């Protein structure tokens, strides 16, 4: 769904989270099942939520350029940037 900034009032997606050195887009979207969105940040962090926090806005795609810790062929956000997907 694109690249998104963190919220200016906390996390962009704050309902549920985990971090792992085996992070993939698939593992994050599965973890976020039941929520509207799954966001991967900094290559290894997964965040879930139904709405974005205040101040979170779309960002240029090139700002979400960190490789996923568990799958170097895919991109998983960046510093303060989330690659956002529909949750599974």
PDB file of N, CA and C in Angstrom:
ATOM      1  N   UNK A   1       0.818  -1.199   0.000  1.00  0.00           N
ATOM      2  CA  UNK A   1       0.000   0.000   0.000  1.00  0.00           C
ATOM      3  C   UNK A   1       0.858   1.258   0.000  1.00  0.00           C
ATOM      4  N   UNK A   2       2.176   1.091   0.145  1.00  0.00           N
ATOM      5  CA  UNK A   2       3.064   2.231   0.067  1.00  0.00           C
ATOM      6  C   UNK A   2       3.908   2.448   1.299  1.00  0.00           C
ATOM      7  N   UNK A   3       4.621   3.556   1.274  1.00  0.00           N
ATOM      8  CA  UNK A   3       5.530   3.936   2.345  1.00  0.00           C
ATOM      9  C   UNK A   3       4.843   5.001   3.198  1.00  0.00           C
ATOM     10  N   UNK A   4       4.979   4.890   4.507  1.00  0.00           N
ATOM     11  CA  UNK A   4       4.277   5.769   5.441  1.00  0.00           C
ATOM     12  C   UNK A   4       5.247   6.244   6.526  1.00  0.00           C
ATOM     13  N   UNK A   5       5.119   7.495   6.962  1.00  0.00           N
ATOM     14  CA  UNK A   5       5.947   8.001   8.053  1.00  0.00           C
ATOM     15  C   UNK A   5       5.386   7.529   9.393  1.00  0.00           C
ATOM     16  N   UNK A   6       6.224   7.569  10.417  1.00  0.00           N
ATOM     17  CA  UNK A   6       5.731   7.347  11.771  1.00  0.00           C
ATOM     18  C   UNK A   6       4.826   8.519  12.151  1.00  0.00           C
ATOM     19  N   UNK A   7       4.024   8.325  13.150  1.00  0.00           N
ATOM     20  CA  UNK A   7       3.138   9.363  13.655  1.00  0.00           C
ATOM     21  C   UNK A   7       3.942  10.414  14.412  1.00  0.00           C
ATOM     22  N   UNK A   8       3.448  11.623  14.450  1.00  0.00           N
ATOM     23  CA  UNK A   8       4.080  12.661  15.258  1.00  0.00           C
ATOM     24  C   UNK A   8       3.631  12.542  16.716  1.00  0.00           C
ATOM     25  N   UNK A   9       2.695  11.609  16.982  1.00  0.00           N
ATOM     26  CA  UNK A   9       2.135  11.435  18.321  1.00  0.00           C
ATOM     27  C   UNK A   9       2.327  10.013  18.832  1.00  0.00           C
ATOM     28  N   UNK A  10       3.410   9.366  18.441  1.00  0.00           N
ATOM     29  CA  UNK A  10       3.660   7.976  18.826  1.00  0.00           C
ATOM     30  C   UNK A  10       3.876   7.138  17.584  1.00  0.00           C
ATOM     31  N   UNK A  11       3.426   5.912  17.620  1.00  0.00           N
ATOM     32  CA  UNK A  11       3.574   5.008  16.478  1.00  0.00           C
ATOM     33  C   UNK A  11       2.444   5.210  15.468  1.00  0.00           C
ATOM     34  N   UNK A  12       2.778   5.014  14.191  1.00  0.00           N
ATOM     35  CA  UNK A  12       1.766   5.108  13.141  1.00  0.00           C
ATOM     36  C   UNK A  12       0.739   3.982  13.307  1.00  0.00           C
ATOM     37  N   UNK A  13       1.225   2.777  13.610  1.00  0.00           N
ATOM     38  CA  UNK A  13       0.363   1.623  13.868  1.00  0.00           C
ATOM     39  C   UNK A  13       0.742   1.092  15.249  1.00  0.00           C
ATOM     40  N   UNK A  14      -0.200   1.128  16.186  1.00  0.00           N
ATOM     41  CA  UNK A  14       0.186   0.867  17.576  1.00  0.00           C
ATOM     42  C   UNK A  14      -0.610  -0.231  18.281  1.00  0.00           C
ATOM     43  N   UNK A  15      -1.437  -0.986  17.564  1.00  0.00           N
ATOM     44  CA  UNK A  15      -2.271  -1.987  18.236  1.00  0.00           C
ATOM     45  C   UNK A  15      -1.477  -3.204  18.714  1.00  0.00           C
ATOM     46  N   UNK A  16      -0.483  -3.625  17.937  1.00  0.00           N
ATOM     47  CA  UNK A  16       0.248  -4.861  18.223  1.00  0.00           C
ATOM     48  C   UNK A  16       1.596  -4.766  17.521  1.00  0.00           C
ATOM     49  N   UNK A  17       2.643  -5.339  18.116  1.00  0.00           N
ATOM     50  CA  UNK A  17       3.968  -5.227  17.504  1.00  0.00           C
ATOM     51  C   UNK A  17       4.867  -6.404  17.879  1.00  0.00           C
ATOM     52  N   UNK A  18       5.846  -6.663  17.046  1.00  0.00           N
ATOM     53  CA  UNK A  18       6.946  -7.578  17.388  1.00  0.00           C
ATOM     54  C   UNK A  18       8.134  -7.272  16.489  1.00  0.00           C
ATOM     55  N   UNK A  19       9.287  -7.726  16.903  1.00  0.00           N
ATOM     56  CA  UNK A  19      10.507  -7.543  16.116  1.00  0.00           C
ATOM     57  C   UNK A  19      11.244  -8.873  16.045  1.00  0.00           C
ATOM     58  N   UNK A  20      11.878  -9.141  14.895  1.00  0.00           N
ATOM     59  CA  UNK A  20      12.605 -10.397  14.726  1.00  0.00           C
ATOM     60  C   UNK A  20      13.635 -10.264  13.613  1.00  0.00           C
ATOM     61  N   UNK A  21      14.746 -10.963  13.786  1.00  0.00           N
ATOM     62  CA  UNK A  21      15.772 -10.978  12.749  1.00  0.00           C
ATOM     63  C   UNK A  21      15.392 -11.893  11.585  1.00  0.00           C
ATOM     64  N   UNK A  22      14.234 -12.530  11.677  1.00  0.00           N
ATOM     65  CA  UNK A  22      13.734 -13.375  10.587  1.00  0.00           C
ATOM     66  C   UNK A  22      12.540 -12.713   9.891  1.00  0.00           C
ATOM     67  N   UNK A  23      12.379 -11.398  10.057  1.00  0.00           N
ATOM     68  CA  UNK A  23      11.205 -10.677   9.548  1.00  0.00           C
ATOM     69  C   UNK A  23      11.054 -10.793   8.034  1.00  0.00           C
ATOM     70  N   UNK A  24       9.821 -11.096   7.622  1.00  0.00           N
ATOM     71  CA  UNK A  24       9.432 -11.056   6.213  1.00  0.00           C
ATOM     72  C   UNK A  24       8.093 -10.334   6.139  1.00  0.00           C
ATOM     73  N   UNK A  25       7.732  -9.896   4.963  1.00  0.00           N
ATOM     74  CA  UNK A  25       6.426  -9.268   4.775  1.00  0.00           C
ATOM     75  C   UNK A  25       5.329 -10.262   5.118  1.00  0.00           C
ATOM     76  N   UNK A  26       5.509 -11.518   4.706  1.00  0.00           N
ATOM     77  CA  UNK A  26       4.498 -12.541   4.963  1.00  0.00           C
ATOM     78  C   UNK A  26       4.315 -12.800   6.451  1.00  0.00           C
ATOM     79  N   UNK A  27       5.411 -12.846   7.213  1.00  0.00           N
ATOM     80  CA  UNK A  27       5.272 -13.106   8.650  1.00  0.00           C
ATOM     81  C   UNK A  27       4.588 -11.936   9.344  1.00  0.00           C
ATOM     82  N   UNK A  28       4.850 -10.719   8.912  1.00  0.00           N
ATOM     83  CA  UNK A  28       4.212  -9.554   9.517  1.00  0.00           C
ATOM     84  C   UNK A  28       2.727  -9.493   9.184  1.00  0.00           C
ATOM     85  N   UNK A  29       2.375  -9.702   7.932  1.00  0.00           N
ATOM     86  CA  UNK A  29       0.950  -9.630   7.585  1.00  0.00           C
ATOM     87  C   UNK A  29       0.164 -10.749   8.273  1.00  0.00           C
ATOM     88  N   UNK A  30       0.770 -11.918   8.433  1.00  0.00           N
ATOM     89  CA  UNK A  30       0.097 -13.008   9.149  1.00  0.00           C
ATOM     90  C   UNK A  30      -0.059 -12.663  10.635  1.00  0.00           C
ATOM     91  N   UNK A  31       0.969 -12.074  11.239  1.00  0.00           N
ATOM     92  CA  UNK A  31       0.929 -11.666  12.644  1.00  0.00           C
ATOM     93  C   UNK A  31      -0.177 -10.633  12.870  1.00  0.00           C
ATOM     94  N   UNK A  32      -0.424  -9.790  11.873  1.00  0.00           N
ATOM     95  CA  UNK A  32      -1.414  -8.717  11.987  1.00  0.00           C
ATOM     96  C   UNK A  32      -2.811  -9.124  11.536  1.00  0.00           C
ATOM     97  N   UNK A  33      -3.032 -10.408  11.299  1.00  0.00           N
ATOM     98  CA  UNK A  33      -4.369 -10.868  10.882  1.00  0.00           C
ATOM     99  C   UNK A  33      -5.414 -10.345  11.857  1.00  0.00           C
ATOM    100  N   UNK A  34      -6.508  -9.835  11.316  1.00  0.00           N
ATOM    101  CA  UNK A  34      -7.565  -9.270  12.138  1.00  0.00           C
ATOM    102  C   UNK A  34      -7.506  -7.754  12.220  1.00  0.00           C
ATOM    103  N   UNK A  35      -6.377  -7.173  11.817  1.00  0.00           N
ATOM    104  CA  UNK A  35      -6.235  -5.726  11.757  1.00  0.00           C
ATOM    105  C   UNK A  35      -6.283  -5.284  10.299  1.00  0.00           C
ATOM    106  N   UNK A  36      -6.517  -4.020  10.061  1.00  0.00           N
ATOM    107  CA  UNK A  36      -6.598  -3.518   8.686  1.00  0.00           C
ATOM    108  C   UNK A  36      -5.219  -3.431   8.026  1.00  0.00           C
ATOM    109  N   UNK A  37      -4.202  -3.030   8.819  1.00  0.00           N
ATOM    110  CA  UNK A  37      -2.888  -2.766   8.237  1.00  0.00           C
ATOM    111  C   UNK A  37      -1.766  -3.484   8.974  1.00  0.00           C
ATOM    112  N   UNK A  38      -0.740  -3.818   8.202  1.00  0.00           N
ATOM    113  CA  UNK A  38       0.518  -4.341   8.739  1.00  0.00           C
ATOM    114  C   UNK A  38       1.614  -3.446   8.175  1.00  0.00           C
ATOM    115  N   UNK A  39       2.523  -3.021   9.035  1.00  0.00           N
ATOM    116  CA  UNK A  39       3.617  -2.169   8.598  1.00  0.00           C
ATOM    117  C   UNK A  39       4.945  -2.721   9.064  1.00  0.00           C
ATOM    118  N   UNK A  40       5.915  -2.754   8.158  1.00  0.00           N
ATOM    119  CA  UNK A  40       7.243  -3.248   8.500  1.00  0.00           C
ATOM    120  C   UNK A  40       8.204  -2.061   8.473  1.00  0.00           C
ATOM    121  N   UNK A  41       8.987  -1.918   9.552  1.00  0.00           N
ATOM    122  CA  UNK A  41       9.885  -0.781   9.691  1.00  0.00           C
ATOM    123  C   UNK A  41      11.290  -1.251  10.063  1.00  0.00           C
ATOM    124  N   UNK A  42      12.270  -0.540   9.567  1.00  0.00           N
ATOM    125  CA  UNK A  42      13.678  -0.749   9.930  1.00  0.00           C
ATOM    126  C   UNK A  42      14.155  -2.186   9.675  1.00  0.00           C
ATOM    127  N   UNK A  43      13.516  -2.852   8.702  1.00  0.00           N
ATOM    128  CA  UNK A  43      13.954  -4.178   8.283  1.00  0.00           C
ATOM    129  C   UNK A  43      13.537  -5.340   9.156  1.00  0.00           C
ATOM    130  N   UNK A  44      13.155  -5.067  10.440  1.00  0.00           N
ATOM    131  CA  UNK A  44      12.888  -6.180  11.353  1.00  0.00           C
ATOM    132  C   UNK A  44      11.758  -5.938  12.343  1.00  0.00           C
ATOM    133  N   UNK A  45      11.046  -4.807  12.231  1.00  0.00           N
ATOM    134  CA  UNK A  45       9.968  -4.488  13.168  1.00  0.00           C
ATOM    135  C   UNK A  45       8.619  -4.547  12.459  1.00  0.00           C
ATOM    136  N   UNK A  46       7.624  -5.147  13.119  1.00  0.00           N
ATOM    137  CA  UNK A  46       6.282  -5.297  12.553  1.00  0.00           C
ATOM    138  C   UNK A  46       5.280  -4.587  13.455  1.00  0.00           C
ATOM    139  N   UNK A  47       4.412  -3.791  12.858  1.00  0.00           N
ATOM    140  CA  UNK A  47       3.380  -3.052  13.591  1.00  0.00           C
ATOM    141  C   UNK A  47       2.023  -3.300  12.940  1.00  0.00           C
ATOM    142  N   UNK A  48       0.988  -3.395  13.775  1.00  0.00           N
ATOM    143  CA  UNK A  48      -0.375  -3.648  13.300  1.00  0.00           C
ATOM    144  C   UNK A  48      -1.309  -2.547  13.783  1.00  0.00           C
ATOM    145  N   UNK A  49      -2.391  -2.312  13.034  1.00  0.00           N
ATOM    146  CA  UNK A  49      -3.400  -1.360  13.467  1.00  0.00           C
ATOM    147  C   UNK A  49      -4.516  -1.231  12.462  1.00  0.00           C
ATOM    148  N   UNK A  50      -5.581  -0.564  12.897  1.00  0.00           N
ATOM    149  CA  UNK A  50      -6.740  -0.339  12.032  1.00  0.00           C
ATOM    150  C   UNK A  50      -6.763   1.067  11.451  1.00  0.00           C
ATOM    151  N   UNK A  51      -5.947   1.959  12.014  1.00  0.00           N
ATOM    152  CA  UNK A  51      -5.877   3.340  11.536  1.00  0.00           C
ATOM    153  C   UNK A  51      -4.488   3.884  11.862  1.00  0.00           C
ATOM    154  N   UNK A  52      -4.078   4.886  11.110  1.00  0.00           N
ATOM    155  CA  UNK A  52      -2.772   5.500  11.329  1.00  0.00           C
ATOM    156  C   UNK A  52      -2.862   6.585  12.400  1.00  0.00           C
ATOM    157  N   UNK A  53      -1.824   6.673  13.221  1.00  0.00           N
ATOM    158  CA  UNK A  53      -1.756   7.696  14.256  1.00  0.00           C
ATOM    159  C   UNK A  53      -1.647   9.081  13.654  1.00  0.00           C
ATOM    160  N   UNK A  54      -2.005  10.091  14.441  1.00  0.00           N
ATOM    161  CA  UNK A  54      -1.976  11.476  13.984  1.00  0.00           C
ATOM    162  C   UNK A  54      -0.611  11.899  13.483  1.00  0.00           C
ATOM    163  N   UNK A  55      -0.597  12.570  12.360  1.00  0.00           N
ATOM    164  CA  UNK A  55       0.652  13.062  11.796  1.00  0.00           C
ATOM    165  C   UNK A  55       1.366  12.079  10.894  1.00  0.00           C
ATOM    166  N   UNK A  56       0.891  10.847  10.801  1.00  0.00           N
ATOM    167  CA  UNK A  56       1.486   9.862   9.898  1.00  0.00           C
ATOM    168  C   UNK A  56       0.987  10.143   8.481  1.00  0.00           C
ATOM    169  N   UNK A  57       1.922  10.311   7.572  1.00  0.00           N
ATOM    170  CA  UNK A  57       1.568  10.648   6.190  1.00  0.00           C
ATOM    171  C   UNK A  57       2.327   9.752   5.217  1.00  0.00           C
ATOM    172  N   UNK A  58       1.870   9.728   3.986  1.00  0.00           N
ATOM    173  CA  UNK A  58       2.556   8.982   2.945  1.00  0.00           C
ATOM    174  C   UNK A  58       3.946   9.549   2.707  1.00  0.00           C
ATOM    175  N   UNK A  59       4.886   8.681   2.371  1.00  0.00           N
ATOM    176  CA  UNK A  59       6.263   9.083   2.116  1.00  0.00           C
ATOM    177  C   UNK A  59       6.709   8.532   0.758  1.00  0.00           C
ATOM    178  N   UNK A  60       7.715   9.147   0.142  1.00  0.00           N
ATOM    179  CA  UNK A  60       8.228   8.624  -1.136  1.00  0.00           C
ATOM    180  C   UNK A  60       8.716   7.182  -0.986  1.00  0.00           C
ATOM    181  N   UNK A  61       8.462   6.380  -1.985  1.00  0.00           N
ATOM    182  CA  UNK A  61       8.818   4.953  -1.941  1.00  0.00           C
ATOM    183  C   UNK A  61      10.294   4.720  -1.653  1.00  0.00           C
ATOM    184  N   UNK A  62      11.160   5.612  -2.117  1.00  0.00           N
ATOM    185  CA  UNK A  62      12.599   5.395  -1.906  1.00  0.00           C
ATOM    186  C   UNK A  62      13.019   5.558  -0.444  1.00  0.00           C
ATOM    187  N   UNK A  63      12.125   6.054   0.410  1.00  0.00           N
ATOM    188  CA  UNK A  63      12.422   6.146   1.836  1.00  0.00           C
ATOM    189  C   UNK A  63      12.156   4.827   2.562  1.00  0.00           C
ATOM    190  N   UNK A  64      11.507   3.896   1.898  1.00  0.00           N
ATOM    191  CA  UNK A  64      11.277   2.545   2.432  1.00  0.00           C
ATOM    192  C   UNK A  64      12.192   1.585   1.676  1.00  0.00           C
ATOM    193  N   UNK A  65      13.482   1.679   1.953  1.00  0.00           N
ATOM    194  CA  UNK A  65      14.458   0.957   1.125  1.00  0.00           C
ATOM    195  C   UNK A  65      15.323  -0.030   1.892  1.00  0.00           C
ATOM    196  N   UNK A  66      14.988  -0.334   3.153  1.00  0.00           N
ATOM    197  CA  UNK A  66      15.775  -1.321   3.903  1.00  0.00           C
ATOM    198  C   UNK A  66      15.305  -2.727   3.548  1.00  0.00           C
ATOM    199  N   UNK A  67      16.260  -3.610   3.371  1.00  0.00           N
ATOM    200  CA  UNK A  67      15.921  -5.003   3.062  1.00  0.00           C
ATOM    201  C   UNK A  67      15.366  -5.684   4.302  1.00  0.00           C
ATOM    202  N   UNK A  68      14.416  -6.585   4.087  1.00  0.00           N
ATOM    203  CA  UNK A  68      13.842  -7.355   5.196  1.00  0.00           C
ATOM    204  C   UNK A  68      14.922  -8.244   5.802  1.00  0.00           C
ATOM    205  N   UNK A  69      14.968  -8.299   7.121  1.00  0.00           N
ATOM    206  CA  UNK A  69      15.986  -9.097   7.807  1.00  0.00           C
ATOM    207  C   UNK A  69      15.906 -10.569   7.422  1.00  0.00           C
ATOM    208  N   UNK A  70      14.689 -11.063   7.173  1.00  0.00           N
ATOM    209  CA  UNK A  70      14.507 -12.472   6.849  1.00  0.00           C
ATOM    210  C   UNK A  70      14.364 -12.776   5.368  1.00  0.00           C
ATOM    211  N   UNK A  71      14.404 -11.747   4.506  1.00  0.00           N
ATOM    212  CA  UNK A  71      14.273 -11.943   3.063  1.00  0.00           C
ATOM    213  C   UNK A  71      14.870 -10.735   2.356  1.00  0.00           C
ATOM    214  N   UNK A  72      16.143 -10.806   2.047  1.00  0.00           N
ATOM    215  CA  UNK A  72      16.873  -9.672   1.474  1.00  0.00           C
ATOM    216  C   UNK A  72      16.396  -9.286   0.075  1.00  0.00           C
ATOM    217  N   UNK A  73      15.471 -10.065  -0.519  1.00  0.00           N
ATOM    218  CA  UNK A  73      14.943  -9.731  -1.839  1.00  0.00           C
ATOM    219  C   UNK A  73      13.751  -8.779  -1.757  1.00  0.00           C
ATOM    220  N   UNK A  74      13.258  -8.515  -0.531  1.00  0.00           N
ATOM    221  CA  UNK A  74      12.111  -7.614  -0.364  1.00  0.00           C
ATOM    222  C   UNK A  74      12.482  -6.470   0.573  1.00  0.00           C
ATOM    223  N   UNK A  75      11.715  -5.395   0.483  1.00  0.00           N
ATOM    224  CA  UNK A  75      11.990  -4.200   1.273  1.00  0.00           C
ATOM    225  C   UNK A  75      11.026  -4.079   2.450  1.00  0.00           C
ATOM    226  N   UNK A  76      11.573  -3.703   3.593  1.00  0.00           N
ATOM    227  CA  UNK A  76      10.803  -3.612   4.846  1.00  0.00           C
ATOM    228  C   UNK A  76      11.017  -2.261   5.505  1.00  0.00           C
ATOM    229  N   UNK A  77      10.514  -1.214   4.889  1.00  0.00           N
ATOM    230  CA  UNK A  77      10.543   0.105   5.493  1.00  0.00           C
ATOM    231  C   UNK A  77      11.918   0.727   5.550  1.00  0.00           C
ATOM    232  N   UNK A  78      12.114   1.539   6.581  1.00  0.00           N
ATOM    233  CA  UNK A  78      13.371   2.236   6.789  1.00  0.00           C
ATOM    234  C   UNK A  78      13.334   2.917   8.140  1.00  0.00           C
ATOM    235  N   UNK A  79      14.311   3.748   8.441  1.00  0.00           N
ATOM    236  CA  UNK A  79      14.300   4.465   9.710  1.00  0.00           C
ATOM    237  C   UNK A  79      13.121   5.441   9.778  1.00  0.00           C
ATOM    238  N   UNK A  80      12.183   5.207  10.685  1.00  0.00           N
ATOM    239  CA  UNK A  80      11.013   6.072  10.810  1.00  0.00           C
ATOM    240  C   UNK A  80      10.032   5.953   9.659  1.00  0.00           C
ATOM    241  N   UNK A  81      10.165   4.907   8.849  1.00  0.00           N
ATOM    242  CA  UNK A  81       9.294   4.699   7.689  1.00  0.00           C
ATOM    243  C   UNK A  81       8.785   3.268   7.666  1.00  0.00           C
ATOM    244  N   UNK A  82       7.501   3.100   7.375  1.00  0.00           N
ATOM    245  CA  UNK A  82       6.891   1.777   7.316  1.00  0.00           C
ATOM    246  C   UNK A  82       6.482   1.419   5.901  1.00  0.00           C
ATOM    247  N   UNK A  83       6.804   0.200   5.471  1.00  0.00           N
ATOM    248  CA  UNK A  83       6.214  -0.360   4.259  1.00  0.00           C
ATOM    249  C   UNK A  83       4.880  -0.945   4.712  1.00  0.00           C
ATOM    250  N   UNK A  84       3.787  -0.420   4.196  1.00  0.00           N
ATOM    251  CA  UNK A  84       2.457  -0.786   4.686  1.00  0.00           C
ATOM    252  C   UNK A  84       1.751  -1.732   3.721  1.00  0.00           C
ATOM    253  N   UNK A  85       1.107  -2.753   4.321  1.00  0.00           N
ATOM    254  CA  UNK A  85       0.372  -3.773   3.584  1.00  0.00           C
ATOM    255  C   UNK A  85      -0.984  -3.980   4.225  1.00  0.00           C
ATOM    256  N   UNK A  86      -1.916  -4.518   3.469  1.00  0.00           N
ATOM    257  CA  UNK A  86      -3.170  -4.982   4.069  1.00  0.00           C
ATOM    258  C   UNK A  86      -2.838  -6.228   4.869  1.00  0.00           C
ATOM    259  N   UNK A  87      -3.333  -6.296   6.093  1.00  0.00           N
ATOM    260  CA  UNK A  87      -3.068  -7.473   6.926  1.00  0.00           C
ATOM    261  C   UNK A  87      -3.780  -8.691   6.362  1.00  0.00           C
ATOM    262  N   UNK A  88      -3.241  -9.880   6.653  1.00  0.00           N
ATOM    263  CA  UNK A  88      -3.799 -11.128   6.104  1.00  0.00           C
ATOM    264  C   UNK A  88      -5.166 -11.429   6.693  1.00  0.00           C
TER     265      UNK A  88
END
